[in-house]
């Protein structure tokens, strides 16, 4: 911010010098180790900690590799059709369609969940194809 302010204050044609400085390296953080035995339950390593801005943190199962790939493909379709990338939106779309039996049910569920977006029919059908592939 200060750099931009200083540059704006310069008059046209006035000379100035910029000095490039390498960013400082962050210090290494070592993992903490607990001495003694812990009574905490050790998980399978297939969970992730979800921190929410409102409410408490919770442990959630990690998505399967198939689900993750499907969500990434939906995210790619979002970029292709809408010009946006939003993994949370892609996840919501996947969740809306994972238990639907046909494209019409999926379209209705998508309208109920994300109706404000007014997705084109061709896009909805392509997303349904990705979800269908993930179900197999």
Protein backbone atom coordinates (compact mmCIF):
# COMPACT_ATOMS: atom_id res chain seq x y z
CA UNK A 1 0.00 0.00 0.00
CA UNK A 2 2.78 2.42 0.90
CA UNK A 3 4.57 1.72 -2.37
CA UNK A 4 1.48 2.51 -4.43
CA UNK A 5 0.91 5.71 -2.45
CA UNK A 6 4.49 6.85 -2.99
CA UNK A 7 4.30 6.09 -6.72
CA UNK A 8 1.09 8.11 -7.04
CA UNK A 9 2.78 11.07 -5.38
CA UNK A 10 5.52 11.16 -8.04
CA UNK A 11 5.16 13.73 -10.79
CA UNK A 12 5.19 12.60 -14.41
CA UNK A 13 8.73 12.43 -15.74
CA UNK A 14 10.27 12.38 -12.25
CA UNK A 15 12.98 9.75 -11.83
CA UNK A 16 12.87 7.18 -9.06
CA UNK A 17 14.71 4.03 -8.03
CA UNK A 18 13.14 0.72 -7.10
CA UNK A 19 15.17 -1.66 -4.98
CA UNK A 20 14.12 -5.32 -5.15
CA UNK A 21 14.59 -7.25 -1.93
CA UNK A 22 14.32 -11.01 -1.54
CA UNK A 23 11.52 -12.04 0.84
CA UNK A 24 12.57 -13.24 4.25
CA UNK A 25 12.52 -16.98 4.69
CA UNK A 26 10.05 -18.36 7.21
CA UNK A 27 11.42 -20.30 10.12
CA UNK A 28 10.98 -24.06 10.14
CA UNK A 29 8.18 -25.34 12.34
CA UNK A 30 8.82 -28.71 13.89
CA UNK A 31 5.87 -30.95 14.79
CA UNK A 32 5.22 -31.24 18.49
CA UNK A 33 5.68 -34.60 20.10
CA UNK A 34 3.88 -35.69 23.22
CA UNK A 35 5.78 -37.51 25.87
CA UNK A 36 4.07 -40.49 27.41
CA UNK A 37 0.92 -42.25 26.33
CA UNK A 38 -2.11 -40.46 25.05
CA UNK A 39 -5.66 -41.50 25.79
CA UNK A 40 -6.86 -39.89 22.56
CA UNK A 41 -8.32 -42.13 19.89
CA UNK A 42 -6.02 -42.51 16.92
CA UNK A 43 -7.90 -42.33 13.63
CA UNK A 44 -7.43 -44.14 10.39
CA UNK A 45 -5.88 -41.15 8.67
CA UNK A 46 -8.92 -40.89 6.39
CA UNK A 47 -10.46 -37.91 8.17
CA UNK A 48 -9.96 -34.20 7.86
CA UNK A 49 -10.40 -31.43 10.39
CA UNK A 50 -13.06 -28.95 9.23
CA UNK A 51 -12.80 -25.51 10.83
CA UNK A 52 -15.90 -23.36 10.54
CA UNK A 53 -16.19 -19.62 11.04
CA UNK A 54 -19.43 -20.17 12.95
CA UNK A 55 -19.55 -23.12 15.28
CA UNK A 56 -17.03 -25.64 16.43
CA UNK A 57 -14.46 -27.66 14.55
CA UNK A 58 -15.38 -31.18 13.52
CA UNK A 59 -13.77 -34.25 12.04
CA UNK A 60 -15.15 -35.35 8.68
CA UNK A 61 -14.34 -38.35 6.55
CA UNK A 62 -12.09 -37.53 3.65
CA UNK A 63 -13.80 -37.87 0.28
CA UNK A 64 -12.93 -40.93 -1.76
CA UNK A 65 -10.55 -40.59 -4.68
CA UNK A 66 -13.45 -41.09 -7.09
CA UNK A 67 -15.48 -38.34 -5.43
CA UNK A 68 -12.49 -36.00 -5.39
CA UNK A 69 -11.87 -36.54 -9.11
CA UNK A 70 -15.55 -35.99 -9.90
CA UNK A 71 -15.57 -32.74 -7.94
CA UNK A 72 -12.43 -31.59 -9.77
CA UNK A 73 -14.11 -32.38 -13.12
CA UNK A 74 -17.20 -30.41 -12.07
CA UNK A 75 -14.90 -27.54 -11.10
CA UNK A 76 -13.33 -27.73 -14.57
CA UNK A 77 -16.81 -27.61 -16.13
CA UNK A 78 -17.60 -24.55 -14.02
CA UNK A 79 -14.56 -22.85 -15.46
CA UNK A 80 -15.37 -23.94 -19.00
CA UNK A 81 -19.02 -22.85 -18.96
CA UNK A 82 -19.11 -20.07 -16.37
CA UNK A 83 -15.53 -18.80 -16.21
CA UNK A 84 -15.21 -19.50 -12.49
CA UNK A 85 -13.43 -22.05 -10.37
CA UNK A 86 -15.02 -22.80 -7.03
CA UNK A 87 -14.33 -26.14 -5.40
CA UNK A 88 -17.01 -25.52 -2.74
CA UNK A 89 -19.64 -24.89 -5.42
CA UNK A 90 -18.49 -28.00 -7.28
CA UNK A 91 -18.77 -30.03 -4.06
CA UNK A 92 -22.28 -28.69 -3.43
CA UNK A 93 -23.29 -29.65 -6.96
CA UNK A 94 -21.87 -33.15 -6.51
CA UNK A 95 -23.68 -33.58 -3.20
CA UNK A 96 -26.95 -32.41 -4.78
CA UNK A 97 -26.74 -35.08 -7.46
CA UNK A 98 -25.05 -38.06 -5.87
CA UNK A 99 -28.31 -39.70 -4.77
CA UNK A 100 -30.41 -38.75 -7.81
CA UNK A 101 -31.51 -41.36 -10.33
CA UNK A 102 -31.75 -39.29 -13.50
CA UNK A 103 -30.85 -35.89 -14.96
CA UNK A 104 -34.33 -34.46 -14.33
CA UNK A 105 -34.15 -35.21 -10.61
CA UNK A 106 -30.66 -33.71 -10.55
CA UNK A 107 -31.85 -30.55 -12.34
CA UNK A 108 -34.67 -30.11 -9.81
CA UNK A 109 -32.27 -30.65 -6.88
CA UNK A 110 -29.82 -28.18 -8.40
CA UNK A 111 -32.56 -25.58 -8.82
CA UNK A 112 -33.61 -26.05 -5.20
CA UNK A 113 -30.05 -25.79 -3.91
CA UNK A 114 -28.44 -23.34 -6.33
CA UNK A 115 -31.35 -21.84 -8.28
CA UNK A 116 -29.86 -18.34 -8.22
CA UNK A 117 -27.13 -19.45 -10.62
CA UNK A 118 -29.55 -20.42 -13.43
CA UNK A 119 -27.12 -22.91 -14.94
CA UNK A 120 -27.59 -23.66 -18.66
CA UNK A 121 -29.20 -27.03 -19.45
CA UNK A 122 -26.16 -28.25 -21.37
CA UNK A 123 -23.94 -27.53 -18.36
CA UNK A 124 -26.33 -29.34 -15.99
CA UNK A 125 -26.36 -32.36 -18.31
CA UNK A 126 -22.53 -32.42 -18.47
CA UNK A 127 -22.31 -32.22 -14.67
CA UNK A 128 -24.83 -35.06 -14.43
CA UNK A 129 -22.55 -37.09 -16.72
CA UNK A 130 -19.61 -36.56 -14.35
CA UNK A 131 -21.73 -37.57 -11.35
CA UNK A 132 -23.01 -40.63 -13.20
CA UNK A 133 -19.44 -41.67 -14.05
CA UNK A 134 -18.47 -41.33 -10.39
CA UNK A 135 -21.35 -43.61 -9.33
CA UNK A 136 -20.06 -46.47 -11.48
